[in-house]
């Protein structure tokens, strides 16, 4: 069985935890295009909202998967919530809200999960209660691995960008290269999509798997979405890359666990997909994106 199949309950519970703190960031961060303000930062220990502000109080919330806890922190104090097997999403939600209130934070969020099969509001969800420290640390290692591989490709790219982070709606670690050309989403009634897709862009991401794609997978998604054609995969791509027409994405599945040496193949996959996607979208001056940085190499 794949990592996703073996650990779907733990993955789902952790995604719901990420949605609770992600929705807090959604409400209290300065808004940015492409929902960039809601992305959770990957840390050495887990993922965090980063710096937020509610009225005059500065705070952050971190999910620490190394020490199995959630930390709500302000300048004047902090509160810790244990991550534990058997604890329900309802309990996590209530404890996070109580911790915030005890620190002087009057937090309110929309409590229905989004972009998930489950739609039970957090305060009523007693079905999701699976936590395994070993599995959580493996998830963290995958997220850190994906974030680093994405940064290797995106960091030197000369283009407007959203840096790698955890998009908690779909529980993927992704980043975005954005081209300054308006392209409004066709259906303005779709609140998430109309803000996510309103300019030419290419998303580079990673997810742990799902019911169809069992293995951890890297993807590249151009917007406007590819339709009525299949984008080319040639020898500029690493072996195993392909274009999935139903998803309008390039895919590169990790069937044999992660290895540091494979990051070069992932960067190769991103670059080849970027070049083909750029051509499809007819972006001008594509070579400029790859112009060398006028810097001495650092210790990375």
Protein backbone atom coordinates (compact mmCIF):
# COMPACT_ATOMS: atom_id res chain seq x y z
CA UNK A 1 0.00 0.00 0.00
CA UNK A 2 1.08 3.58 -0.62
CA UNK A 3 1.87 6.14 2.08
CA UNK A 4 -1.47 7.84 1.48
CA UNK A 5 -3.50 4.62 1.59
CA UNK A 6 -1.83 3.45 4.79
CA UNK A 7 -2.24 6.77 6.59
CA UNK A 8 -5.33 8.43 5.15
CA UNK A 9 -6.99 8.85 8.57
CA UNK A 10 -3.95 10.57 10.08
CA UNK A 11 -3.49 12.74 6.98
CA UNK A 12 -7.15 13.81 7.04
CA UNK A 13 -7.11 14.69 10.75
CA UNK A 14 -3.93 16.72 10.35
CA UNK A 15 -5.37 18.52 7.34
CA UNK A 16 -8.39 19.51 9.42
CA UNK A 17 -6.09 20.85 12.14
CA UNK A 18 -4.29 22.86 9.47
CA UNK A 19 -7.65 24.19 8.27
CA UNK A 20 -8.47 25.54 11.72
CA UNK A 21 -5.29 27.61 11.96
CA UNK A 22 -5.38 28.34 8.23
CA UNK A 23 -8.82 29.88 8.57
CA UNK A 24 -7.51 32.04 11.39
CA UNK A 25 -4.77 33.28 9.06
CA UNK A 26 -7.40 33.81 6.36
CA UNK A 27 -9.24 36.26 8.64
CA UNK A 28 -6.31 38.10 10.22
CA UNK A 29 -3.59 38.39 7.55
CA UNK A 30 -3.29 41.23 5.02
CA UNK A 31 -4.96 40.01 1.84
CA UNK A 32 -2.83 39.22 -1.23
CA UNK A 33 -3.58 38.07 -4.79
CA UNK A 34 -3.90 34.32 -5.44
CA UNK A 35 -4.73 33.77 -1.72
CA UNK A 36 -1.01 34.08 -0.95
CA UNK A 37 -1.84 35.49 2.50
CA UNK A 38 -3.45 32.24 3.71
CA UNK A 39 -0.45 29.98 3.06
CA UNK A 40 1.04 28.35 6.18
CA UNK A 41 4.83 28.51 6.47
CA UNK A 42 6.73 25.22 6.75
CA UNK A 43 9.07 25.28 9.77
CA UNK A 44 11.71 22.91 11.21
CA UNK A 45 9.02 21.55 13.52
CA UNK A 46 5.78 21.78 11.56
CA UNK A 47 3.82 24.66 10.08
CA UNK A 48 2.78 28.09 11.31
CA UNK A 49 0.57 31.06 10.55
CA UNK A 50 3.53 33.38 10.87
CA UNK A 51 2.97 36.86 12.28
CA UNK A 52 -0.69 37.91 12.60
CA UNK A 53 -2.52 40.81 14.25
CA UNK A 54 -5.92 41.01 15.93
CA UNK A 55 -6.76 44.56 17.03
CA UNK A 56 -3.55 45.62 18.81
CA UNK A 57 -2.31 42.12 19.66
CA UNK A 58 0.42 40.42 17.61
CA UNK A 59 0.29 36.61 17.60
CA UNK A 60 1.10 33.40 15.79
CA UNK A 61 -0.02 29.78 15.94
CA UNK A 62 2.30 26.87 15.20
CA UNK A 63 1.52 23.18 14.78
CA UNK A 64 4.65 21.49 16.19
CA UNK A 65 4.81 17.93 14.87
CA UNK A 66 8.14 17.23 16.56
CA UNK A 67 6.86 17.82 20.09
CA UNK A 68 3.20 16.95 19.28
CA UNK A 69 1.61 20.23 20.26
CA UNK A 70 -0.06 23.39 19.00
CA UNK A 71 1.32 26.66 20.37
CA UNK A 72 -0.61 29.93 20.45
CA UNK A 73 1.84 32.74 21.19
CA UNK A 74 1.64 36.48 21.86
CA UNK A 75 4.14 38.99 23.25
CA UNK A 76 2.74 38.52 26.73
CA UNK A 77 2.21 34.77 26.92
CA UNK A 78 1.48 31.47 25.23
CA UNK A 79 -0.78 28.46 25.49
CA UNK A 80 -0.02 24.86 24.48
CA UNK A 81 -2.48 22.28 23.17
CA UNK A 82 -1.47 18.62 22.96
CA UNK A 83 -1.72 16.67 19.71
CA UNK A 84 -2.86 13.18 20.68
CA UNK A 85 -4.49 10.12 19.17
CA UNK A 86 -8.18 9.98 20.04
CA UNK A 87 -8.57 13.76 20.38
CA UNK A 88 -11.31 14.97 18.04
CA UNK A 89 -11.33 17.96 15.71
CA UNK A 90 -14.07 19.36 17.91
CA UNK A 91 -11.66 19.27 20.87
CA UNK A 92 -8.83 20.89 18.89
CA UNK A 93 -11.13 23.67 17.73
CA UNK A 94 -12.48 24.35 21.21
CA UNK A 95 -9.01 24.29 22.81
CA UNK A 96 -7.52 26.61 20.19
CA UNK A 97 -10.37 29.09 20.61
CA UNK A 98 -10.09 28.90 24.41
CA UNK A 99 -6.32 29.45 24.25
CA UNK A 100 -6.77 32.46 22.00
CA UNK A 101 -9.37 33.97 24.33
CA UNK A 102 -7.14 33.43 27.38
CA UNK A 103 -4.42 35.43 25.61
CA UNK A 104 -6.78 38.31 24.85
CA UNK A 105 -7.48 37.33 21.24
CA UNK A 106 -11.11 37.51 20.17
CA UNK A 107 -10.96 35.18 17.18
CA UNK A 108 -13.83 34.14 14.94
CA UNK A 109 -13.72 32.00 11.79
CA UNK A 110 -16.00 30.19 9.35
CA UNK A 111 -15.89 26.67 10.74
CA UNK A 112 -16.91 24.51 7.77
CA UNK A 113 -13.95 22.75 6.09
CA UNK A 114 -13.33 23.67 2.47
CA UNK A 115 -12.04 21.74 -0.54
CA UNK A 116 -12.49 18.46 1.39
CA UNK A 117 -15.00 15.61 1.28
CA UNK A 118 -16.01 16.25 4.86
CA UNK A 119 -18.19 19.30 5.46
CA UNK A 120 -18.85 18.83 9.18
CA UNK A 121 -18.15 22.09 11.04
CA UNK A 122 -15.14 21.88 13.35
CA UNK A 123 -17.25 22.32 16.48
CA UNK A 124 -19.28 19.22 15.58
CA UNK A 125 -16.57 16.94 14.16
CA UNK A 126 -15.96 13.92 16.39
CA UNK A 127 -15.25 11.52 13.49
CA UNK A 128 -11.68 12.66 12.84
CA UNK A 129 -9.43 11.87 15.78
CA UNK A 130 -6.37 10.04 14.42
CA UNK A 131 -2.87 11.13 15.38
CA UNK A 132 0.37 9.19 15.16
CA UNK A 133 3.63 11.04 15.96
CA UNK A 134 5.69 8.89 13.59
CA UNK A 135 3.29 9.48 10.71
CA UNK A 136 3.12 13.21 11.44
CA UNK A 137 6.90 13.49 11.31
CA UNK A 138 6.96 11.62 8.00
CA UNK A 139 4.37 14.06 6.65
CA UNK A 140 6.55 16.94 7.88
CA UNK A 141 9.62 15.45 6.20
CA UNK A 142 7.72 15.22 2.92
CA UNK A 143 6.53 18.83 3.25
CA UNK A 144 10.04 20.07 4.03
CA UNK A 145 11.43 18.06 1.12
CA UNK A 146 8.83 19.48 -1.28
CA UNK A 147 9.34 23.04 -0.04
CA UNK A 148 13.10 22.79 -0.56
CA UNK A 149 12.77 21.27 -4.05
CA UNK A 150 10.29 23.97 -5.06
CA UNK A 151 12.57 26.69 -3.69
CA UNK A 152 15.54 25.28 -5.62
CA UNK A 153 13.57 25.93 -8.81
CA UNK A 154 11.56 29.05 -7.98
CA UNK A 155 13.98 31.11 -5.88
CA UNK A 156 16.30 32.26 -8.72
CA UNK A 157 13.45 32.68 -11.23
CA UNK A 158 13.01 36.31 -12.32
CA UNK A 159 9.23 36.59 -12.12
CA UNK A 160 6.55 37.62 -9.65
CA UNK A 161 5.98 34.70 -7.32
CA UNK A 162 4.23 33.16 -4.30
CA UNK A 163 6.84 31.32 -2.26
CA UNK A 164 6.40 27.66 -1.21
CA UNK A 165 4.05 26.98 1.66
CA UNK A 166 1.17 24.81 2.81
CA UNK A 167 -2.12 25.51 1.07
CA UNK A 168 -4.35 24.01 3.76
CA UNK A 169 -7.51 23.83 1.63
CA UNK A 170 -6.04 21.08 -0.52
CA UNK A 171 -3.17 20.17 1.86
CA UNK A 172 -0.49 20.64 -0.75
CA UNK A 173 2.86 22.41 -0.58
CA UNK A 174 2.90 24.75 -3.55
CA UNK A 175 4.36 27.90 -5.05
CA UNK A 176 3.32 30.07 -8.00
CA UNK A 177 4.97 31.99 -10.83
CA UNK A 178 2.69 34.84 -11.94
CA UNK A 179 2.63 36.71 -15.24
CA UNK A 180 1.08 40.18 -15.17
CA UNK A 181 -1.82 39.53 -17.50
CA UNK A 182 -5.42 39.60 -16.31
CA UNK A 183 -7.47 36.45 -16.88
CA UNK A 184 -10.63 36.50 -14.73
CA UNK A 185 -12.07 33.14 -13.74
CA UNK A 186 -15.20 32.42 -15.79
CA UNK A 187 -17.56 31.75 -12.85
CA UNK A 188 -17.53 34.73 -10.49
CA UNK A 189 -19.80 32.91 -8.02
CA UNK A 190 -16.94 30.58 -7.01
CA UNK A 191 -15.30 32.48 -4.17
CA UNK A 192 -12.08 30.46 -3.97
CA UNK A 193 -11.45 30.11 -7.70
CA UNK A 194 -12.22 33.70 -8.69
CA UNK A 195 -9.42 34.99 -6.42
CA UNK A 196 -7.01 32.10 -7.03
CA UNK A 197 -7.23 32.30 -10.82
CA UNK A 198 -7.44 35.88 -12.03
CA UNK A 199 -4.04 36.30 -13.74
CA UNK A 200 -1.84 34.16 -15.96
CA UNK A 201 0.12 31.86 -13.66
CA UNK A 202 1.86 28.52 -13.32
CA UNK A 203 1.56 26.61 -10.04
CA UNK A 204 4.25 24.16 -8.90
CA UNK A 205 3.15 21.84 -6.14
CA UNK A 206 3.21 18.61 -4.20
CA UNK A 207 0.59 16.52 -2.50
CA UNK A 208 0.77 13.30 -0.47
CA UNK A 209 -1.65 11.38 -2.69
CA UNK A 210 -5.38 10.80 -2.97
CA UNK A 211 -7.87 8.12 -3.98
CA UNK A 212 -6.67 8.16 -7.60
CA UNK A 213 -2.98 9.08 -7.32
CA UNK A 214 -1.77 6.86 -4.51
CA UNK A 215 1.83 8.05 -4.24
CA UNK A 216 3.27 11.43 -3.21
CA UNK A 217 3.23 13.50 -6.40
CA UNK A 218 4.66 16.73 -7.78
CA UNK A 219 2.54 18.69 -10.23
CA UNK A 220 2.61 21.74 -12.49
CA UNK A 221 -0.65 23.53 -13.35
CA UNK A 222 -0.78 26.32 -15.96
CA UNK A 223 -3.60 28.89 -15.92
CA UNK A 224 -5.56 29.66 -18.07
CA UNK A 225 -6.23 25.95 -17.89
CA UNK A 226 -5.12 23.73 -20.75
CA UNK A 227 -8.08 22.48 -22.76
CA UNK A 228 -8.57 20.48 -25.97
CA UNK A 229 -4.90 19.57 -26.13
CA UNK A 230 -2.20 17.54 -24.38
CA UNK A 231 1.00 19.40 -23.62
CA UNK A 232 4.21 17.77 -24.82
CA UNK A 233 6.55 15.69 -22.67
CA UNK A 234 9.95 15.27 -24.33
CA UNK A 235 13.49 14.36 -23.35
CA UNK A 236 13.89 17.62 -21.40
CA UNK A 237 11.72 15.99 -18.71
CA UNK A 238 12.93 13.35 -16.25
CA UNK A 239 11.74 9.80 -16.94
CA UNK A 240 8.27 9.13 -15.52
CA UNK A 241 6.88 12.63 -16.17
CA UNK A 242 3.57 12.90 -18.02
CA UNK A 243 0.74 15.30 -18.80
CA UNK A 244 -2.65 14.33 -17.33
CA UNK A 245 -5.30 15.84 -19.60
CA UNK A 246 -8.17 15.29 -17.16
CA UNK A 247 -6.40 17.44 -14.56
CA UNK A 248 -4.68 19.74 -17.10
CA UNK A 249 -1.46 19.21 -15.15
CA UNK A 250 2.01 17.81 -15.57
CA UNK A 251 2.65 15.05 -12.99
CA UNK A 252 5.75 13.39 -11.54
CA UNK A 253 4.99 10.63 -9.02
CA UNK A 254 7.40 9.62 -6.24
CA UNK A 255 6.95 5.86 -6.16
CA UNK A 256 10.18 5.01 -4.34
CA UNK A 257 10.25 7.34 -1.31
CA UNK A 258 12.23 10.56 -1.25
CA UNK A 259 15.97 10.97 -1.74
CA UNK A 260 18.07 14.13 -1.76
CA UNK A 261 19.55 13.19 -5.13
CA UNK A 262 16.06 13.18 -6.67
CA UNK A 263 15.61 16.91 -6.06
CA UNK A 264 17.60 17.62 -9.21
CA UNK A 265 15.07 15.53 -11.16
CA UNK A 266 12.21 17.44 -9.56
CA UNK A 267 13.81 20.76 -10.51
CA UNK A 268 14.27 19.36 -14.04
CA UNK A 269 10.56 18.43 -14.07
CA UNK A 270 9.56 21.93 -12.91
CA UNK A 271 11.79 23.68 -15.45
CA UNK A 272 10.68 21.55 -18.41
CA UNK A 273 7.01 21.95 -17.42
CA UNK A 274 7.50 25.70 -16.97
CA UNK A 275 9.01 26.10 -20.45
CA UNK A 276 6.22 24.09 -22.13
CA UNK A 277 3.53 25.90 -20.10
CA UNK A 278 5.03 29.31 -20.90
CA UNK A 279 4.93 28.49 -24.60
CA UNK A 280 1.31 27.34 -24.36
CA UNK A 281 0.35 30.56 -22.52
CA UNK A 282 2.36 32.66 -24.99
CA UNK A 283 4.27 34.60 -22.34
CA UNK A 284 6.73 37.10 -23.78
CA UNK A 285 10.49 37.16 -23.08
CA UNK A 286 10.63 33.74 -21.36
CA UNK A 287 14.43 33.59 -21.38
CA UNK A 288 14.64 36.53 -18.96
CA UNK A 289 13.19 34.34 -16.19
CA UNK A 290 16.35 32.26 -16.24
CA UNK A 291 18.85 35.13 -16.32
CA UNK A 292 21.61 34.46 -13.78
CA UNK A 293 21.56 36.31 -10.48
CA UNK A 294 24.38 38.84 -10.15
CA UNK A 295 25.44 37.46 -6.81
CA UNK A 296 28.28 35.40 -5.42
CA UNK A 297 27.15 31.90 -4.48
CA UNK A 298 26.16 31.53 -0.84
CA UNK A 299 26.52 28.51 1.41
CA UNK A 300 23.26 26.85 0.36
